[in-house]
Amino acid sequence: MPVIFVLFFRSWMLLAYAAVFLLITLLLVVVVEEPVLRRMFGKEYQTYCARIHRWRPTRPRSF
């Protein structure tokens, strides 16, 4: 989606801003949120992580 805005507005600064935002979001999720969830839910969260992808949506599988 950010690429569409970059092409529409012809602004590489907008692309840089989007890249920095995505990098910060990725780091916060991986460095802060995921370890907290591992401590809170333990094995259940590990099983969940094995079933799903972090950023790419997939079709739900039956349990």
PDB file of N, CA and C in Angstrom:
ATOM      1  N   MET A   1       0.808  -1.201   0.000  1.00  0.00           N
ATOM      2  CA  MET A   1       0.000   0.000   0.000  1.00  0.00           C
ATOM      3  C   MET A   1       0.856   1.273   0.000  1.00  0.00           C
ATOM      4  N   PRO A   2       1.932   1.367   0.809  1.00  0.00           N
ATOM      5  CA  PRO A   2       2.725   2.596   0.787  1.00  0.00           C
ATOM      6  C   PRO A   2       3.308   2.901  -0.593  1.00  0.00           C
ATOM      7  N   VAL A   3       3.606   1.863  -1.370  1.00  0.00           N
ATOM      8  CA  VAL A   3       4.177   2.084  -2.690  1.00  0.00           C
ATOM      9  C   VAL A   3       3.192   2.842  -3.574  1.00  0.00           C
ATOM     10  N   ILE A   4       1.913   2.576  -3.429  1.00  0.00           N
ATOM     11  CA  ILE A   4       0.889   3.278  -4.202  1.00  0.00           C
ATOM     12  C   ILE A   4       0.944   4.781  -3.904  1.00  0.00           C
ATOM     13  N   PHE A   5       1.066   5.136  -2.628  1.00  0.00           N
ATOM     14  CA  PHE A   5       1.136   6.545  -2.257  1.00  0.00           C
ATOM     15  C   PHE A   5       2.416   7.197  -2.784  1.00  0.00           C
ATOM     16  N   VAL A   6       3.520   6.448  -2.747  1.00  0.00           N
ATOM     17  CA  VAL A   6       4.784   6.979  -3.262  1.00  0.00           C
ATOM     18  C   VAL A   6       4.646   7.280  -4.746  1.00  0.00           C
ATOM     19  N   LEU A   7       4.036   6.359  -5.488  1.00  0.00           N
ATOM     20  CA  LEU A   7       3.858   6.589  -6.920  1.00  0.00           C
ATOM     21  C   LEU A   7       2.878   7.726  -7.185  1.00  0.00           C
ATOM     22  N   PHE A   8       1.797   7.777  -6.405  1.00  0.00           N
ATOM     23  CA  PHE A   8       0.784   8.806  -6.610  1.00  0.00           C
ATOM     24  C   PHE A   8       1.329  10.201  -6.312  1.00  0.00           C
ATOM     25  N   PHE A   9       2.003  10.340  -5.176  1.00  0.00           N
ATOM     26  CA  PHE A   9       2.516  11.653  -4.770  1.00  0.00           C
ATOM     27  C   PHE A   9       3.933  11.922  -5.282  1.00  0.00           C
ATOM     28  N   ARG A  10       4.553  10.909  -5.891  1.00  0.00           N
ATOM     29  CA  ARG A  10       5.933  11.017  -6.384  1.00  0.00           C
ATOM     30  C   ARG A  10       6.867  11.513  -5.285  1.00  0.00           C
ATOM     31  N   SER A  11       6.761  10.865  -4.127  1.00  0.00           N
ATOM     32  CA  SER A  11       7.542  11.293  -2.972  1.00  0.00           C
ATOM     33  C   SER A  11       8.335  10.119  -2.406  1.00  0.00           C
ATOM     34  N   TRP A  12       9.654  10.163  -2.575  1.00  0.00           N
ATOM     35  CA  TRP A  12      10.500   9.123  -1.992  1.00  0.00           C
ATOM     36  C   TRP A  12      10.618   9.305  -0.477  1.00  0.00           C
ATOM     37  N   MET A  13      10.370  10.513  -0.005  1.00  0.00           N
ATOM     38  CA  MET A  13      10.386  10.756   1.437  1.00  0.00           C
ATOM     39  C   MET A  13       9.266   9.957   2.108  1.00  0.00           C
ATOM     40  N   LEU A  14       8.149   9.882   1.452  1.00  0.00           N
ATOM     41  CA  LEU A  14       7.025   9.104   1.973  1.00  0.00           C
ATOM     42  C   LEU A  14       7.390   7.625   2.058  1.00  0.00           C
ATOM     43  N   LEU A  15       8.110   7.123   1.078  1.00  0.00           N
ATOM     44  CA  LEU A  15       8.563   5.728   1.109  1.00  0.00           C
ATOM     45  C   LEU A  15       9.531   5.512   2.272  1.00  0.00           C
ATOM     46  N   ALA A  16      10.438   6.455   2.482  1.00  0.00           N
ATOM     47  CA  ALA A  16      11.381   6.347   3.598  1.00  0.00           C
ATOM     48  C   ALA A  16      10.642   6.350   4.930  1.00  0.00           C
ATOM     49  N   TYR A  17       9.658   7.219   5.056  1.00  0.00           N
ATOM     50  CA  TYR A  17       8.857   7.281   6.281  1.00  0.00           C
ATOM     51  C   TYR A  17       8.142   5.950   6.520  1.00  0.00           C
ATOM     52  N   ALA A  18       7.550   5.385   5.482  1.00  0.00           N
ATOM     53  CA  ALA A  18       6.842   4.103   5.613  1.00  0.00           C
ATOM     54  C   ALA A  18       7.811   2.992   5.998  1.00  0.00           C
ATOM     55  N   ALA A  19       9.006   2.993   5.411  1.00  0.00           N
ATOM     56  CA  ALA A  19      10.001   1.969   5.727  1.00  0.00           C
ATOM     57  C   ALA A  19      10.437   2.057   7.187  1.00  0.00           C
ATOM     58  N   VAL A  20      10.668   3.269   7.669  1.00  0.00           N
ATOM     59  CA  VAL A  20      11.061   3.453   9.075  1.00  0.00           C
ATOM     60  C   VAL A  20       9.931   3.016  10.005  1.00  0.00           C
ATOM     61  N   PHE A  21       8.704   3.384   9.675  1.00  0.00           N
ATOM     62  CA  PHE A  21       7.558   2.991  10.487  1.00  0.00           C
ATOM     63  C   PHE A  21       7.427   1.465  10.549  1.00  0.00           C
ATOM     64  N   LEU A  22       7.558   0.797   9.403  1.00  0.00           N
ATOM     65  CA  LEU A  22       7.452  -0.663   9.383  1.00  0.00           C
ATOM     66  C   LEU A  22       8.589  -1.318  10.160  1.00  0.00           C
ATOM     67  N   LEU A  23       9.787  -0.770  10.073  1.00  0.00           N
ATOM     68  CA  LEU A  23      10.920  -1.309  10.813  1.00  0.00           C
ATOM     69  C   LEU A  23      10.704  -1.175  12.323  1.00  0.00           C
ATOM     70  N   ILE A  24      10.249  -0.022  12.763  1.00  0.00           N
ATOM     71  CA  ILE A  24       9.986   0.192  14.189  1.00  0.00           C
ATOM     72  C   ILE A  24       8.881  -0.746  14.669  1.00  0.00           C
ATOM     73  N   THR A  25       7.832  -0.902  13.867  1.00  0.00           N
ATOM     74  CA  THR A  25       6.744  -1.810  14.230  1.00  0.00           C
ATOM     75  C   THR A  25       7.253  -3.243  14.349  1.00  0.00           C
ATOM     76  N   LEU A  26       8.043  -3.672  13.387  1.00  0.00           N
ATOM     77  CA  LEU A  26       8.606  -5.022  13.418  1.00  0.00           C
ATOM     78  C   LEU A  26       9.439  -5.235  14.671  1.00  0.00           C
ATOM     79  N   LEU A  27      10.300  -4.277  14.980  1.00  0.00           N
ATOM     80  CA  LEU A  27      11.152  -4.407  16.160  1.00  0.00           C
ATOM     81  C   LEU A  27      10.346  -4.445  17.448  1.00  0.00           C
ATOM     82  N   LEU A  28       9.321  -3.615  17.558  1.00  0.00           N
ATOM     83  CA  LEU A  28       8.499  -3.629  18.767  1.00  0.00           C
ATOM     84  C   LEU A  28       7.775  -4.955  18.943  1.00  0.00           C
ATOM     85  N   VAL A  29       7.269  -5.505  17.862  1.00  0.00           N
ATOM     86  CA  VAL A  29       6.553  -6.777  17.956  1.00  0.00           C
ATOM     87  C   VAL A  29       7.513  -7.898  18.332  1.00  0.00           C
ATOM     88  N   VAL A  30       8.649  -7.982  17.649  1.00  0.00           N
ATOM     89  CA  VAL A  30       9.573  -9.090  17.868  1.00  0.00           C
ATOM     90  C   VAL A  30      10.315  -8.964  19.193  1.00  0.00           C
ATOM     91  N   VAL A  31      10.753  -7.769  19.532  1.00  0.00           N
ATOM     92  CA  VAL A  31      11.604  -7.581  20.719  1.00  0.00           C
ATOM     93  C   VAL A  31      10.787  -7.419  22.000  1.00  0.00           C
ATOM     94  N   VAL A  32       9.619  -6.795  21.920  1.00  0.00           N
ATOM     95  CA  VAL A  32       8.849  -6.505  23.132  1.00  0.00           C
ATOM     96  C   VAL A  32       7.645  -7.423  23.280  1.00  0.00           C
ATOM     97  N   GLU A  33       6.779  -7.433  22.284  1.00  0.00           N
ATOM     98  CA  GLU A  33       5.496  -8.119  22.432  1.00  0.00           C
ATOM     99  C   GLU A  33       5.623  -9.646  22.479  1.00  0.00           C
ATOM    100  N   GLU A  34       6.389 -10.226  21.564  1.00  0.00           N
ATOM    101  CA  GLU A  34       6.459 -11.686  21.508  1.00  0.00           C
ATOM    102  C   GLU A  34       7.062 -12.315  22.770  1.00  0.00           C
ATOM    103  N   PRO A  35       8.153 -11.776  23.337  1.00  0.00           N
ATOM    104  CA  PRO A  35       8.659 -12.367  24.579  1.00  0.00           C
ATOM    105  C   PRO A  35       7.646 -12.292  25.734  1.00  0.00           C
ATOM    106  N   VAL A  36       6.878 -11.210  25.802  1.00  0.00           N
ATOM    107  CA  VAL A  36       5.857 -11.097  26.844  1.00  0.00           C
ATOM    108  C   VAL A  36       4.793 -12.180  26.654  1.00  0.00           C
ATOM    109  N   LEU A  37       4.368 -12.385  25.425  1.00  0.00           N
ATOM    110  CA  LEU A  37       3.368 -13.412  25.147  1.00  0.00           C
ATOM    111  C   LEU A  37       3.911 -14.806  25.438  1.00  0.00           C
ATOM    112  N   ARG A  38       5.204 -15.032  25.152  1.00  0.00           N
ATOM    113  CA  ARG A  38       5.805 -16.342  25.476  1.00  0.00           C
ATOM    114  C   ARG A  38       5.800 -16.586  26.979  1.00  0.00           C
ATOM    115  N   ARG A  39       6.130 -15.549  27.757  1.00  0.00           N
ATOM    116  CA  ARG A  39       6.129 -15.713  29.224  1.00  0.00           C
ATOM    117  C   ARG A  39       4.715 -15.924  29.753  1.00  0.00           C
ATOM    118  N   MET A  40       3.754 -15.215  29.180  1.00  0.00           N
ATOM    119  CA  MET A  40       2.372 -15.309  29.679  1.00  0.00           C
ATOM    120  C   MET A  40       1.713 -16.635  29.323  1.00  0.00           C
ATOM    121  N   PHE A  41       1.937 -17.113  28.089  1.00  0.00           N
ATOM    122  CA  PHE A  41       1.181 -18.269  27.617  1.00  0.00           C
ATOM    123  C   PHE A  41       2.018 -19.524  27.394  1.00  0.00           C
ATOM    124  N   GLY A  42       3.325 -19.417  27.446  1.00  0.00           N
ATOM    125  CA  GLY A  42       4.212 -20.567  27.377  1.00  0.00           C
ATOM    126  C   GLY A  42       4.013 -21.458  26.157  1.00  0.00           C
ATOM    127  N   LYS A  43       3.802 -22.738  26.441  1.00  0.00           N
ATOM    128  CA  LYS A  43       3.689 -23.763  25.397  1.00  0.00           C
ATOM    129  C   LYS A  43       2.543 -23.471  24.429  1.00  0.00           C
ATOM    130  N   GLU A  44       1.436 -22.966  24.946  1.00  0.00           N
ATOM    131  CA  GLU A  44       0.283 -22.655  24.093  1.00  0.00           C
ATOM    132  C   GLU A  44       0.656 -21.618  23.019  1.00  0.00           C
ATOM    133  N   TYR A  45       1.425 -20.610  23.403  1.00  0.00           N
ATOM    134  CA  TYR A  45       1.848 -19.589  22.441  1.00  0.00           C
ATOM    135  C   TYR A  45       2.841 -20.161  21.445  1.00  0.00           C
ATOM    136  N   GLN A  46       3.742 -21.026  21.887  1.00  0.00           N
ATOM    137  CA  GLN A  46       4.687 -21.673  20.980  1.00  0.00           C
ATOM    138  C   GLN A  46       3.948 -22.482  19.920  1.00  0.00           C
ATOM    139  N   THR A  47       2.919 -23.208  20.323  1.00  0.00           N
ATOM    140  CA  THR A  47       2.108 -23.981  19.383  1.00  0.00           C
ATOM    141  C   THR A  47       1.423 -23.052  18.392  1.00  0.00           C
ATOM    142  N   TYR A  48       0.899 -21.951  18.878  1.00  0.00           N
ATOM    143  CA  TYR A  48       0.248 -20.952  18.028  1.00  0.00           C
ATOM    144  C   TYR A  48       1.245 -20.400  17.006  1.00  0.00           C
ATOM    145  N   CYS A  49       2.445 -20.052  17.448  1.00  0.00           N
ATOM    146  CA  CYS A  49       3.461 -19.508  16.546  1.00  0.00           C
ATOM    147  C   CYS A  49       3.863 -20.519  15.478  1.00  0.00           C
ATOM    148  N   ALA A  50       3.863 -21.787  15.815  1.00  0.00           N
ATOM    149  CA  ALA A  50       4.213 -22.817  14.843  1.00  0.00           C
ATOM    150  C   ALA A  50       3.138 -22.943  13.764  1.00  0.00           C
ATOM    151  N   ARG A  51       1.899 -22.606  14.089  1.00  0.00           N
ATOM    152  CA  ARG A  51       0.784 -22.744  13.147  1.00  0.00           C
ATOM    153  C   ARG A  51       0.597 -21.559  12.220  1.00  0.00           C
ATOM    154  N   ILE A  52       0.980 -20.380  12.646  1.00  0.00           N
ATOM    155  CA  ILE A  52       0.681 -19.177  11.871  1.00  0.00           C
ATOM    156  C   ILE A  52       1.965 -18.488  11.413  1.00  0.00           C
ATOM    157  N   HIS A  53       1.828 -17.574  10.465  1.00  0.00           N
ATOM    158  CA  HIS A  53       2.951 -16.746  10.031  1.00  0.00           C
ATOM    159  C   HIS A  53       2.848 -15.402  10.737  1.00  0.00           C
ATOM    160  N   ARG A  54       3.977 -14.774  10.935  1.00  0.00           N
ATOM    161  CA  ARG A  54       3.989 -13.508  11.670  1.00  0.00           C
ATOM    162  C   ARG A  54       3.273 -12.397  10.916  1.00  0.00           C
ATOM    163  N   TRP A  55       3.553 -12.211   9.642  1.00  0.00           N
ATOM    164  CA  TRP A  55       3.011 -11.071   8.914  1.00  0.00           C
ATOM    165  C   TRP A  55       2.123 -11.463   7.743  1.00  0.00           C
ATOM    166  N   ARG A  56       2.254 -12.661   7.246  1.00  0.00           N
ATOM    167  CA  ARG A  56       1.528 -13.059   6.049  1.00  0.00           C
ATOM    168  C   ARG A  56       0.270 -13.827   6.445  1.00  0.00           C
ATOM    169  N   PRO A  57      -0.886 -13.320   6.095  1.00  0.00           N
ATOM    170  CA  PRO A  57      -2.119 -14.029   6.448  1.00  0.00           C
ATOM    171  C   PRO A  57      -2.261 -15.312   5.627  1.00  0.00           C
ATOM    172  N   THR A  58      -2.826 -16.318   6.245  1.00  0.00           N
ATOM    173  CA  THR A  58      -3.075 -17.586   5.569  1.00  0.00           C
ATOM    174  C   THR A  58      -4.500 -18.029   5.872  1.00  0.00           C
ATOM    175  N   ARG A  59      -4.959 -19.001   5.122  1.00  0.00           N
ATOM    176  CA  ARG A  59      -6.281 -19.556   5.408  1.00  0.00           C
ATOM    177  C   ARG A  59      -6.225 -20.322   6.719  1.00  0.00           C
ATOM    178  N   PRO A  60      -7.252 -20.197   7.534  1.00  0.00           N
ATOM    179  CA  PRO A  60      -7.274 -20.952   8.789  1.00  0.00           C
ATOM    180  C   PRO A  60      -7.334 -22.452   8.500  1.00  0.00           C
ATOM    181  N   ARG A  61      -6.545 -23.188   9.275  1.00  0.00           N
ATOM    182  CA  ARG A  61      -6.581 -24.645   9.160  1.00  0.00           C
ATOM    183  C   ARG A  61      -7.479 -25.192  10.261  1.00  0.00           C
ATOM    184  N   SER A  62      -8.080 -26.302   9.996  1.00  0.00           N
ATOM    185  CA  SER A  62      -8.921 -26.907  11.028  1.00  0.00           C
ATOM    186  C   SER A  62      -8.035 -27.481  12.124  1.00  0.00           C
ATOM    187  N   PHE A  63      -8.549 -27.512  13.315  1.00  0.00           N
ATOM    188  CA  PHE A  63      -7.763 -27.979  14.459  1.00  0.00           C
ATOM    189  C   PHE A  63      -7.821 -29.441  14.555  1.00  0.00           C
TER     190      PHE A  63
END
